[in-house]
C-alpha atoms as a PDB file:
ATOM      1  CA  UNK A   1      -4.186  11.472 -14.887  1.00  0.00           C
ATOM      2  CA  UNK A   2      -5.919   8.259 -13.765  1.00  0.00           C
ATOM      3  CA  UNK A   3      -4.044   6.012 -11.406  1.00  0.00           C
ATOM      4  CA  UNK A   4      -2.550   3.058 -13.307  1.00  0.00           C
ATOM      5  CA  UNK A   5       0.183   0.419 -13.373  1.00  0.00           C
ATOM      6  CA  UNK A   6       2.094  -0.953 -16.376  1.00  0.00           C
ATOM      7  CA  UNK A   7       4.315  -4.013 -16.706  1.00  0.00           C
ATOM      8  CA  UNK A   8       7.336  -4.034 -18.982  1.00  0.00           C
ATOM      9  CA  UNK A   9      10.100  -6.471 -19.942  1.00  0.00           C
ATOM     10  CA  UNK A  10      13.542  -6.042 -21.451  1.00  0.00           C
ATOM     11  CA  UNK A  11      16.262  -8.673 -22.090  1.00  0.00           C
ATOM     12  CA  UNK A  12      16.889 -10.255 -18.664  1.00  0.00           C
ATOM     13  CA  UNK A  13      14.704  -7.672 -16.872  1.00  0.00           C
ATOM     14  CA  UNK A  14      11.109  -7.078 -15.793  1.00  0.00           C
ATOM     15  CA  UNK A  15       9.626  -3.946 -14.300  1.00  0.00           C
ATOM     16  CA  UNK A  16       6.403  -2.435 -13.020  1.00  0.00           C
ATOM     17  CA  UNK A  17       5.640   1.267 -12.681  1.00  0.00           C
ATOM     18  CA  UNK A  18       2.587   2.868 -11.105  1.00  0.00           C
ATOM     19  CA  UNK A  19       0.994   6.281 -10.748  1.00  0.00           C
ATOM     20  CA  UNK A  20      -0.989   6.370  -7.482  1.00  0.00           C
ATOM     21  CA  UNK A  21      -1.657  10.065  -6.893  1.00  0.00           C
ATOM     22  CA  UNK A  22      -5.438   9.909  -6.650  1.00  0.00           C
ATOM     23  CA  UNK A  23      -5.698   6.802  -4.433  1.00  0.00           C
ATOM     24  CA  UNK A  24      -2.977   8.149  -2.089  1.00  0.00           C
ATOM     25  CA  UNK A  25      -4.888  11.392  -1.709  1.00  0.00           C
ATOM     26  CA  UNK A  26      -8.069   9.404  -1.110  1.00  0.00           C
ATOM     27  CA  UNK A  27      -6.348   7.554   1.739  1.00  0.00           C
ATOM     28  CA  UNK A  28      -4.894  10.832   3.021  1.00  0.00           C
ATOM     29  CA  UNK A  29      -8.361  12.383   3.086  1.00  0.00           C
ATOM     30  CA  UNK A  30     -10.099   9.401   4.673  1.00  0.00           C
ATOM     31  CA  UNK A  31      -7.567   9.133   7.468  1.00  0.00           C
ATOM     32  CA  UNK A  32      -6.885  12.880   7.817  1.00  0.00           C
ATOM     33  CA  UNK A  33      -3.145  12.264   7.438  1.00  0.00           C
ATOM     34  CA  UNK A  34      -0.522  14.848   8.095  1.00  0.00           C
ATOM     35  CA  UNK A  35       2.180  15.045   5.372  1.00  0.00           C
ATOM     36  CA  UNK A  36       4.694  12.527   6.763  1.00  0.00           C
ATOM     37  CA  UNK A  37       1.896  10.028   7.431  1.00  0.00           C
ATOM     38  CA  UNK A  38       0.462  10.543   3.953  1.00  0.00           C
ATOM     39  CA  UNK A  39       3.902   9.921   2.448  1.00  0.00           C
ATOM     40  CA  UNK A  40       4.504   6.741   4.452  1.00  0.00           C
ATOM     41  CA  UNK A  41       1.040   5.358   3.745  1.00  0.00           C
ATOM     42  CA  UNK A  42       1.206   6.263   0.045  1.00  0.00           C
ATOM     43  CA  UNK A  43       4.571   4.614  -0.353  1.00  0.00           C
ATOM     44  CA  UNK A  44       3.357   1.448   1.409  1.00  0.00           C
ATOM     45  CA  UNK A  45       0.167   1.194  -0.664  1.00  0.00           C
ATOM     46  CA  UNK A  46       2.156   1.801  -3.898  1.00  0.00           C
ATOM     47  CA  UNK A  47       4.605  -0.943  -2.905  1.00  0.00           C
ATOM     48  CA  UNK A  48       1.755  -3.349  -2.232  1.00  0.00           C
ATOM     49  CA  UNK A  49       0.230  -2.601  -5.643  1.00  0.00           C
ATOM     50  CA  UNK A  50       3.544  -3.123  -7.446  1.00  0.00           C
ATOM     51  CA  UNK A  51       4.060  -6.481  -5.676  1.00  0.00           C
ATOM     52  CA  UNK A  52       0.473  -7.500  -6.399  1.00  0.00           C
ATOM     53  CA  UNK A  53       0.797  -6.788 -10.158  1.00  0.00           C
ATOM     54  CA  UNK A  54       2.699 -10.063 -10.602  1.00  0.00           C
ATOM     55  CA  UNK A  55       0.002 -12.171  -8.865  1.00  0.00           C
ATOM     56  CA  UNK A  56      -2.820 -14.153 -10.445  1.00  0.00           C
ATOM     57  CA  UNK A  57      -6.307 -12.602 -10.823  1.00  0.00           C
ATOM     58  CA  UNK A  58      -7.810 -13.648  -7.484  1.00  0.00           C
ATOM     59  CA  UNK A  59      -4.691 -13.308  -5.382  1.00  0.00           C
ATOM     60  CA  UNK A  60      -3.732 -10.489  -3.040  1.00  0.00           C
ATOM     61  CA  UNK A  61      -0.959  -9.258  -0.873  1.00  0.00           C
ATOM     62  CA  UNK A  62      -0.543  -7.444   2.464  1.00  0.00           C
ATOM     63  CA  UNK A  63       2.451  -5.261   3.282  1.00  0.00           C
ATOM     64  CA  UNK A  64       2.911  -4.431   6.991  1.00  0.00           C
ATOM     65  CA  UNK A  65       5.517  -1.942   8.117  1.00  0.00           C
ATOM     66  CA  UNK A  66       6.046  -2.467  11.843  1.00  0.00           C
ATOM     67  CA  UNK A  67       8.394   0.190  13.157  1.00  0.00           C
ATOM     68  CA  UNK A  68       8.993   1.771  16.571  1.00  0.00           C
ATOM     69  CA  UNK A  69       8.611   5.317  15.303  1.00  0.00           C
ATOM     70  CA  UNK A  70       5.726   7.663  16.092  1.00  0.00           C
ATOM     71  CA  UNK A  71       3.620   6.580  13.095  1.00  0.00           C
ATOM     72  CA  UNK A  72       3.137   3.096  14.519  1.00  0.00           C
ATOM     73  CA  UNK A  73       2.112   0.303  12.220  1.00  0.00           C
ATOM     74  CA  UNK A  74       1.344   0.858   8.532  1.00  0.00           C
ATOM     75  CA  UNK A  75      -0.701  -1.747   6.637  1.00  0.00           C
ATOM     76  CA  UNK A  76      -1.743  -1.956   2.992  1.00  0.00           C
ATOM     77  CA  UNK A  77      -3.795  -4.632   1.238  1.00  0.00           C
ATOM     78  CA  UNK A  78      -3.591  -4.830  -2.551  1.00  0.00           C
ATOM     79  CA  UNK A  79      -5.221  -7.170  -5.066  1.00  0.00           C
ATOM     80  CA  UNK A  80      -3.996  -8.359  -8.445  1.00  0.00           C
ATOM     81  CA  UNK A  81      -6.998  -6.616  -9.905  1.00  0.00           C
ATOM     82  CA  UNK A  82      -5.627  -3.223  -8.957  1.00  0.00           C
ATOM     83  CA  UNK A  83      -7.449  -2.232  -5.754  1.00  0.00           C
ATOM     84  CA  UNK A  84      -5.742  -1.195  -2.557  1.00  0.00           C
ATOM     85  CA  UNK A  85      -6.669  -0.073   0.944  1.00  0.00           C
ATOM     86  CA  UNK A  86      -4.466   0.942   3.831  1.00  0.00           C
ATOM     87  CA  UNK A  87      -4.080   2.760   7.080  1.00  0.00           C
ATOM     88  CA  UNK A  88      -1.424   4.149   9.455  1.00  0.00           C
ATOM     89  CA  UNK A  89      -1.945   3.826  13.176  1.00  0.00           C
ATOM     90  CA  UNK A  90      -1.107   7.436  14.056  1.00  0.00           C
ATOM     91  CA  UNK A  91      -1.923   9.577  11.053  1.00  0.00           C
ATOM     92  CA  UNK A  92      -1.681  12.980  12.810  1.00  0.00           C
ATOM     93  CA  UNK A  93       2.082  12.918  13.346  1.00  0.00           C
ATOM     94  CA  UNK A  94       4.138  15.992  12.457  1.00  0.00           C
ATOM     95  CA  UNK A  95       7.953  15.972  12.226  1.00  0.00           C
ATOM     96  CA  UNK A  96      10.448  18.619  11.084  1.00  0.00           C
ATOM     97  CA  UNK A  97      11.693  18.340   7.548  1.00  0.00           C
ATOM     98  CA  UNK A  98      15.015  16.567   7.043  1.00  0.00           C
ATOM     99  CA  UNK A  99      17.158  18.402   4.426  1.00  0.00           C
ATOM    100  CA  UNK A 100      13.934  19.774   2.973  1.00  0.00           C
ATOM    101  CA  UNK A 101      12.208  16.368   2.742  1.00  0.00           C
ATOM    102  CA  UNK A 102       9.598  14.590   4.767  1.00  0.00           C
ATOM    103  CA  UNK A 103      11.392  12.472   7.347  1.00  0.00           C
ATOM    104  CA  UNK A 104       9.572   9.200   6.713  1.00  0.00           C
ATOM    105  CA  UNK A 105      12.502   7.151   8.057  1.00  0.00           C
ATOM    106  CA  UNK A 106      12.343   8.761  11.497  1.00  0.00           C
ATOM    107  CA  UNK A 107       8.528   8.578  11.512  1.00  0.00           C
ATOM    108  CA  UNK A 108       8.643   4.867  10.797  1.00  0.00           C
ATOM    109  CA  UNK A 109      11.664   3.982  12.969  1.00  0.00           C
ATOM    110  CA  UNK A 110      13.347   0.591  13.357  1.00  0.00           C
ATOM    111  CA  UNK A 111      11.511  -2.702  13.106  1.00  0.00           C
ATOM    112  CA  UNK A 112      10.444  -5.164  10.456  1.00  0.00           C
ATOM    113  CA  UNK A 113       8.571  -5.414   7.129  1.00  0.00           C
ATOM    114  CA  UNK A 114       6.134  -8.317   6.665  1.00  0.00           C
ATOM    115  CA  UNK A 115       4.718  -9.356   3.318  1.00  0.00           C
ATOM    116  CA  UNK A 116       1.868 -11.877   3.191  1.00  0.00           C
ATOM    117  CA  UNK A 117       0.729 -13.417  -0.097  1.00  0.00           C
ATOM    118  CA  UNK A 118      -2.777 -14.841  -0.326  1.00  0.00           C
ATOM    119  CA  UNK A 119      -2.622 -17.259  -3.219  1.00  0.00           C
ATOM    120  CA  UNK A 120      -5.680 -19.443  -2.549  1.00  0.00           C
ATOM    121  CA  UNK A 121      -3.694 -22.087  -0.657  1.00  0.00           C
ATOM    122  CA  UNK A 122      -4.861 -23.190   2.762  1.00  0.00           C
ATOM    123  CA  UNK A 123      -2.233 -21.043   4.495  1.00  0.00           C
ATOM    124  CA  UNK A 124      -0.937 -17.725   3.156  1.00  0.00           C
ATOM    125  CA  UNK A 125       2.813 -17.270   2.909  1.00  0.00           C
ATOM    126  CA  UNK A 126       4.417 -14.561   5.046  1.00  0.00           C
ATOM    127  CA  UNK A 127       7.995 -13.410   4.696  1.00  0.00           C
ATOM    128  CA  UNK A 128       9.769 -10.740   6.686  1.00  0.00           C
ATOM    129  CA  UNK A 129      12.950  -8.737   6.877  1.00  0.00           C
ATOM    130  CA  UNK A 130      14.385  -6.006   9.120  1.00  0.00           C
ATOM    131  CA  UNK A 131      13.703  -2.388   8.153  1.00  0.00           C
ATOM    132  CA  UNK A 132      16.971  -0.936   6.823  1.00  0.00           C
ATOM    133  CA  UNK A 133      15.922   2.756   6.744  1.00  0.00           C
ATOM    134  CA  UNK A 134      12.207   3.139   7.364  1.00  0.00           C
ATOM    135  CA  UNK A 135      11.929   4.929   4.029  1.00  0.00           C
ATOM    136  CA  UNK A 136       9.820   2.016   2.656  1.00  0.00           C
ATOM    137  CA  UNK A 137      11.399   1.675  -0.813  1.00  0.00           C
ATOM    138  CA  UNK A 138      14.828   0.544   0.536  1.00  0.00           C
ATOM    139  CA  UNK A 139      13.000  -1.764   2.975  1.00  0.00           C
ATOM    140  CA  UNK A 140      11.030  -3.405   0.175  1.00  0.00           C
ATOM    141  CA  UNK A 141      14.215  -3.810  -1.853  1.00  0.00           C
ATOM    142  CA  UNK A 142      15.971  -5.463   1.071  1.00  0.00           C
ATOM    143  CA  UNK A 143      12.953  -7.695   1.742  1.00  0.00           C
ATOM    144  CA  UNK A 144      12.880  -8.954  -1.871  1.00  0.00           C
ATOM    145  CA  UNK A 145      16.609  -9.727  -1.736  1.00  0.00           C
ATOM    146  CA  UNK A 146      16.778 -11.367   1.702  1.00  0.00           C
ATOM    147  CA  UNK A 147      13.432 -13.086   1.937  1.00  0.00           C
ATOM    148  CA  UNK A 148      12.674 -13.896  -1.711  1.00  0.00           C
ATOM    149  CA  UNK A 149      16.242 -13.918  -3.138  1.00  0.00           C
ATOM    150  CA  UNK A 150      15.194 -11.539  -5.936  1.00  0.00           C
ATOM    151  CA  UNK A 151      17.626  -8.714  -6.734  1.00  0.00           C
ATOM    152  CA  UNK A 152      15.454  -5.635  -7.247  1.00  0.00           C
ATOM    153  CA  UNK A 153      15.448  -1.865  -7.362  1.00  0.00           C
ATOM    154  CA  UNK A 154      12.414  -0.140  -5.838  1.00  0.00           C
ATOM    155  CA  UNK A 155      11.589   3.586  -5.911  1.00  0.00           C
ATOM    156  CA  UNK A 156       8.564   5.105  -4.178  1.00  0.00           C
ATOM    157  CA  UNK A 157       7.550   8.729  -3.858  1.00  0.00           C
ATOM    158  CA  UNK A 158       4.796  10.930  -2.529  1.00  0.00           C
ATOM    159  CA  UNK A 159       4.758  14.689  -2.992  1.00  0.00           C
ATOM    160  CA  UNK A 160       2.512  16.523  -0.551  1.00  0.00           C
ATOM    161  CA  UNK A 161       1.461  20.155  -1.157  1.00  0.00           C
ATOM    162  CA  UNK A 162       1.256  22.998   1.370  1.00  0.00           C
ATOM    163  CA  UNK A 163      -2.429  22.370   1.747  1.00  0.00           C
ATOM    164  CA  UNK A 164      -1.665  18.706   2.699  1.00  0.00           C
ATOM    165  CA  UNK A 165      -3.148  17.323  -0.525  1.00  0.00           C
ATOM    166  CA  UNK A 166      -1.140  14.754  -2.502  1.00  0.00           C
ATOM    167  CA  UNK A 167       0.231  16.355  -5.661  1.00  0.00           C
ATOM    168  CA  UNK A 168       2.013  13.302  -7.053  1.00  0.00           C
ATOM    169  CA  UNK A 169       2.574   9.694  -5.943  1.00  0.00           C
ATOM    170  CA  UNK A 170       3.867   6.523  -7.524  1.00  0.00           C
ATOM    171  CA  UNK A 171       6.758   4.201  -7.862  1.00  0.00           C
ATOM    172  CA  UNK A 172       8.507   1.426  -9.777  1.00  0.00           C
ATOM    173  CA  UNK A 173       9.941  -1.987  -9.189  1.00  0.00           C
ATOM    174  CA  UNK A 174      12.702  -3.416 -11.441  1.00  0.00           C
ATOM    175  CA  UNK A 175      13.978  -7.004 -11.158  1.00  0.00           C
ATOM    176  CA  UNK A 176      16.871  -8.775 -12.793  1.00  0.00           C
ATOM    177  CA  UNK A 177      15.967 -12.209 -14.093  1.00  0.00           C
ATOM    178  CA  UNK A 178      18.271 -15.227 -13.936  1.00  0.00           C
ATOM    179  CA  UNK A 179      20.861 -15.027 -16.697  1.00  0.00           C
ATOM    180  CA  UNK A 180      20.637 -11.273 -17.243  1.00  0.00           C
ATOM    181  CA  UNK A 181      23.712 -10.091 -19.127  1.00  0.00           C
ATOM    182  CA  UNK A 182      26.245  -7.926 -17.303  1.00  0.00           C
ATOM    183  CA  UNK A 183      26.061  -5.186 -19.923  1.00  0.00           C
ATOM    184  CA  UNK A 184      22.261  -5.011 -19.476  1.00  0.00           C
ATOM    185  CA  UNK A 185      22.633  -4.661 -15.704  1.00  0.00           C
ATOM    186  CA  UNK A 186      25.304  -1.978 -16.187  1.00  0.00           C
ATOM    187  CA  UNK A 187      23.053   0.013 -18.543  1.00  0.00           C
ATOM    188  CA  UNK A 188      20.114  -0.283 -16.153  1.00  0.00           C
ATOM    189  CA  UNK A 189      22.203   0.920 -13.231  1.00  0.00           C
ATOM    190  CA  UNK A 190      23.351   3.918 -15.270  1.00  0.00           C
ATOM    191  CA  UNK A 191      19.775   4.795 -16.163  1.00  0.00           C
ATOM    192  CA  UNK A 192      18.571   4.477 -12.563  1.00  0.00           C
ATOM    193  CA  UNK A 193      21.442   6.658 -11.292  1.00  0.00           C
ATOM    194  CA  UNK A 194      20.444   9.521 -13.609  1.00  0.00           C
ATOM    195  CA  UNK A 195      16.682   9.231 -12.979  1.00  0.00           C
ATOM    196  CA  UNK A 196      14.868  12.079 -11.219  1.00  0.00           C
ATOM    197  CA  UNK A 197      12.776  11.221  -8.131  1.00  0.00           C
ATOM    198  CA  UNK A 198       9.693   9.353  -9.227  1.00  0.00           C
ATOM    199  CA  UNK A 199       7.303  11.787  -7.557  1.00  0.00           C
ATOM    200  CA  UNK A 200       8.926  14.667  -9.482  1.00  0.00           C
ATOM    201  CA  UNK A 201       8.499  12.800 -12.777  1.00  0.00           C
ATOM    202  CA  UNK A 202       4.822  12.204 -12.064  1.00  0.00           C
ATOM    203  CA  UNK A 203       4.299  15.844 -11.005  1.00  0.00           C
ATOM    204  CA  UNK A 204       5.854  16.822 -14.368  1.00  0.00           C
ATOM    205  CA  UNK A 205       3.228  14.709 -16.172  1.00  0.00           C
ATOM    206  CA  UNK A 206       5.054  11.408 -16.691  1.00  0.00           C
ATOM    207  CA  UNK A 207       2.826   8.321 -16.829  1.00  0.00           C
ATOM    208  CA  UNK A 208       3.923   4.808 -15.877  1.00  0.00           C
ATOM    209  CA  UNK A 209       4.928   3.968 -19.503  1.00  0.00           C
ATOM    210  CA  UNK A 210       7.071   7.158 -19.659  1.00  0.00           C
ATOM    211  CA  UNK A 211       8.867   6.179 -16.440  1.00  0.00           C
ATOM    212  CA  UNK A 212       9.584   2.684 -17.717  1.00  0.00           C
ATOM    213  CA  UNK A 213      10.932   4.026 -20.998  1.00  0.00           C
ATOM    214  CA  UNK A 214      13.303   6.229 -19.009  1.00  0.00           C
ATOM    215  CA  UNK A 215      14.391   3.249 -16.918  1.00  0.00           C
ATOM    216  CA  UNK A 216      14.998   1.145 -20.014  1.00  0.00           C
ATOM    217  CA  UNK A 217      16.664   3.833 -22.177  1.00  0.00           C
ATOM    218  CA  UNK A 218      19.008   2.135 -24.643  1.00  0.00           C
ATOM    219  CA  UNK A 219      17.381  -1.267 -24.117  1.00  0.00           C
ATOM    220  CA  UNK A 220      14.767  -3.154 -26.073  1.00  0.00           C
ATOM    221  CA  UNK A 221      11.484  -2.772 -24.171  1.00  0.00           C
ATOM    222  CA  UNK A 222       8.088  -4.497 -24.336  1.00  0.00           C
ATOM    223  CA  UNK A 223       5.227  -2.576 -22.697  1.00  0.00           C
ATOM    224  CA  UNK A 224       2.006  -4.323 -21.715  1.00  0.00           C
ATOM    225  CA  UNK A 225      -1.507  -2.996 -21.280  1.00  0.00           C
ATOM    226  CA  UNK A 226      -1.994  -0.544 -18.374  1.00  0.00           C
ATOM    227  CA  UNK A 227      -4.261  -1.488 -15.520  1.00  0.00           C
ATOM    228  CA  UNK A 228      -6.420   0.953 -13.577  1.00  0.00           C
ATOM    229  CA  UNK A 229      -5.688   1.358  -9.878  1.00  0.00           C
ATOM    230  CA  UNK A 230      -8.173   2.416  -7.193  1.00  0.00           C
ATOM    231  CA  UNK A 231      -8.525   2.847  -3.479  1.00  0.00           C
ATOM    232  CA  UNK A 232     -11.235   0.350  -2.546  1.00  0.00           C
ATOM    233  CA  UNK A 233     -12.311  -1.194   0.750  1.00  0.00           C
ATOM    234  CA  UNK A 234     -14.778  -4.116   0.694  1.00  0.00           C
ATOM    235  CA  UNK A 235     -16.253  -3.252   4.099  1.00  0.00           C
ATOM    236  CA  UNK A 236     -20.019  -2.917   4.199  1.00  0.00           C
ATOM    237  CA  UNK A 237     -22.864  -2.593   6.705  1.00  0.00           C
ATOM    238  CA  UNK A 238     -23.563  -6.333   6.281  1.00  0.00           C
ATOM    239  CA  UNK A 239     -19.973  -7.225   7.187  1.00  0.00           C
ATOM    240  CA  UNK A 240     -20.124  -4.965  10.206  1.00  0.00           C
ATOM    241  CA  UNK A 241     -23.329  -6.668  11.320  1.00  0.00           C
ATOM    242  CA  UNK A 242     -21.487  -9.981  11.221  1.00  0.00           C
ATOM    243  CA  UNK A 243     -18.815  -8.448  13.448  1.00  0.00           C
ATOM    244  CA  UNK A 244     -21.518  -7.437  15.937  1.00  0.00           C
ATOM    245  CA  UNK A 245     -22.989 -10.954  15.824  1.00  0.00           C
ATOM    246  CA  UNK A 246     -19.580 -12.396  16.684  1.00  0.00           C
ATOM    247  CA  UNK A 247     -19.276 -10.068  19.692  1.00  0.00           C
ATOM    248  CA  UNK A 248     -21.879 -12.137  21.537  1.00  0.00           C
ATOM    249  CA  UNK A 249     -24.985 -11.447  23.613  1.00  0.00           C
ATOM    250  CA  UNK A 250     -23.385  -9.731  26.579  1.00  0.00           C
ATOM    251  CA  UNK A 251     -21.515  -7.066  24.623  1.00  0.00           C
ATOM    252  CA  UNK A 252     -24.579  -6.374  22.458  1.00  0.00           C
ATOM    253  CA  UNK A 253     -26.684  -6.010  25.571  1.00  0.00           C
ATOM    254  CA  UNK A 254     -24.256  -3.459  26.933  1.00  0.00           C
ATOM    255  CA  UNK A 255     -24.414  -1.538  23.628  1.00  0.00           C
ATOM    256  CA  UNK A 256     -28.221  -1.527  23.733  1.00  0.00           C
ATOM    257  CA  UNK A 257     -28.094  -0.005  27.232  1.00  0.00           C
ATOM    258  CA  UNK A 258     -25.868   2.748  25.881  1.00  0.00           C
ATOM    259  CA  UNK A 259     -28.446   3.422  23.146  1.00  0.00           C
ATOM    260  CA  UNK A 260     -26.243   3.068  20.084  1.00  0.00           C
ATOM    261  CA  UNK A 261     -22.988   1.783  18.677  1.00  0.00           C
ATOM    262  CA  UNK A 262     -20.442   3.172  16.237  1.00  0.00           C
ATOM    263  CA  UNK A 263     -17.983   0.939  14.414  1.00  0.00           C
ATOM    264  CA  UNK A 264     -15.181   2.285  12.297  1.00  0.00           C
ATOM    265  CA  UNK A 265     -13.280   0.416   9.589  1.00  0.00           C
ATOM    266  CA  UNK A 266      -9.550   0.707  10.194  1.00  0.00           C
ATOM    267  CA  UNK A 267      -8.690   0.564   6.494  1.00  0.00           C
ATOM    268  CA  UNK A 268     -11.025   3.205   5.073  1.00  0.00           C
ATOM    269  CA  UNK A 269     -12.284   5.054   8.175  1.00  0.00           C
ATOM    270  CA  UNK A 270     -15.871   4.514   7.123  1.00  0.00           C
ATOM    271  CA  UNK A 271     -18.235   4.827  10.135  1.00  0.00           C
ATOM    272  CA  UNK A 272     -21.246   2.581  10.675  1.00  0.00           C
ATOM    273  CA  UNK A 273     -23.960   3.608  13.203  1.00  0.00           C
ATOM    274  CA  UNK A 274     -26.482   1.255  14.797  1.00  0.00           C
ATOM    275  CA  UNK A 275     -29.295   2.515  17.060  1.00  0.00           C
ATOM    276  CA  UNK A 276     -30.729   0.534  19.948  1.00  0.00           C
ATOM    277  CA  UNK A 277     -33.553  -0.971  17.849  1.00  0.00           C
ATOM    278  CA  UNK A 278     -31.071  -2.228  15.222  1.00  0.00           C
ATOM    279  CA  UNK A 279     -28.859  -3.684  17.924  1.00  0.00           C
ATOM    280  CA  UNK A 280     -31.851  -5.340  19.554  1.00  0.00           C
ATOM    281  CA  UNK A 281     -32.739  -6.999  16.221  1.00  0.00           C
ATOM    282  CA  UNK A 282     -29.187  -8.352  15.918  1.00  0.00           C
ATOM    283  CA  UNK A 283     -29.366  -9.658  19.502  1.00  0.00           C
ATOM    284  CA  UNK A 284     -32.709 -11.357  18.709  1.00  0.00           C
ATOM    285  CA  UNK A 285     -31.090 -12.986  15.685  1.00  0.00           C
ATOM    286  CA  UNK A 286     -28.339 -14.408  17.876  1.00  0.00           C
ATOM    287  CA  UNK A 287     -30.836 -15.768  20.386  1.00  0.00           C
ATOM    288  CA  UNK A 288     -32.890 -17.399  17.693  1.00  0.00           C
ATOM    289  CA  UNK A 289     -29.778 -19.025  16.302  1.00  0.00           C
ATOM    290  CA  UNK A 290     -28.929 -20.473  19.669  1.00  0.00           C
ATOM    291  CA  UNK A 291     -32.329 -22.166  20.097  1.00  0.00           C
END
């Protein structure tokens, strides 16, 4: 199944559901994540994609989970067009299972969630809220309520196999709109209470539309066109060269003495190598620009 997200509406409600199995496994592979790190990163990237689905075409969002647990910081960037990238500071963390489940909450720890929306204005908007559990979904739900005053229900799940590959990943976000009828809210709450974990649904073959239909059982639902989701990082050799230029003459000179330089993108773990001749050419470019 291709990764995808679908938007749906019902009377007084709107919802987004996403299947993110492939992109989560791509991030797991790139960062060599152990299971608990893969779960935390996959949940964060899925949350960012769900939040970005409601943005305009050229807008984007960054979700930063800053906890004091052993994973360290988790960051995900998502665009309204359906691309996402992300990383976890300490991906090779291993913790005992908690009641048979990956202990994401302990791995994340206490701290704050930060959500930054890049909407084309001069300054992006950043909101924050305390982490309530470190399990990501509850933290996003609390953020939406306390920082954006939007009552929501968020579910996120990542199922990691014995070989560390991601077998299923995804999530959903449901929001009550102003004026939603009490009976609609009651029905929604009943449906959510009886819903199986989202990762189990995806493992069983459910797509995003199937999940939304389960959430809105007994309600009139409008489904919109699905959008493809991908793991994508816009880093490139040209961008890395600009980073080297910004380092300045002295640091480049030191790198030339060492004979080479290796720069690694935090978000996708792509490595870029420069030999002494290439570094010397960049240094010459800086000197010419200064004259």
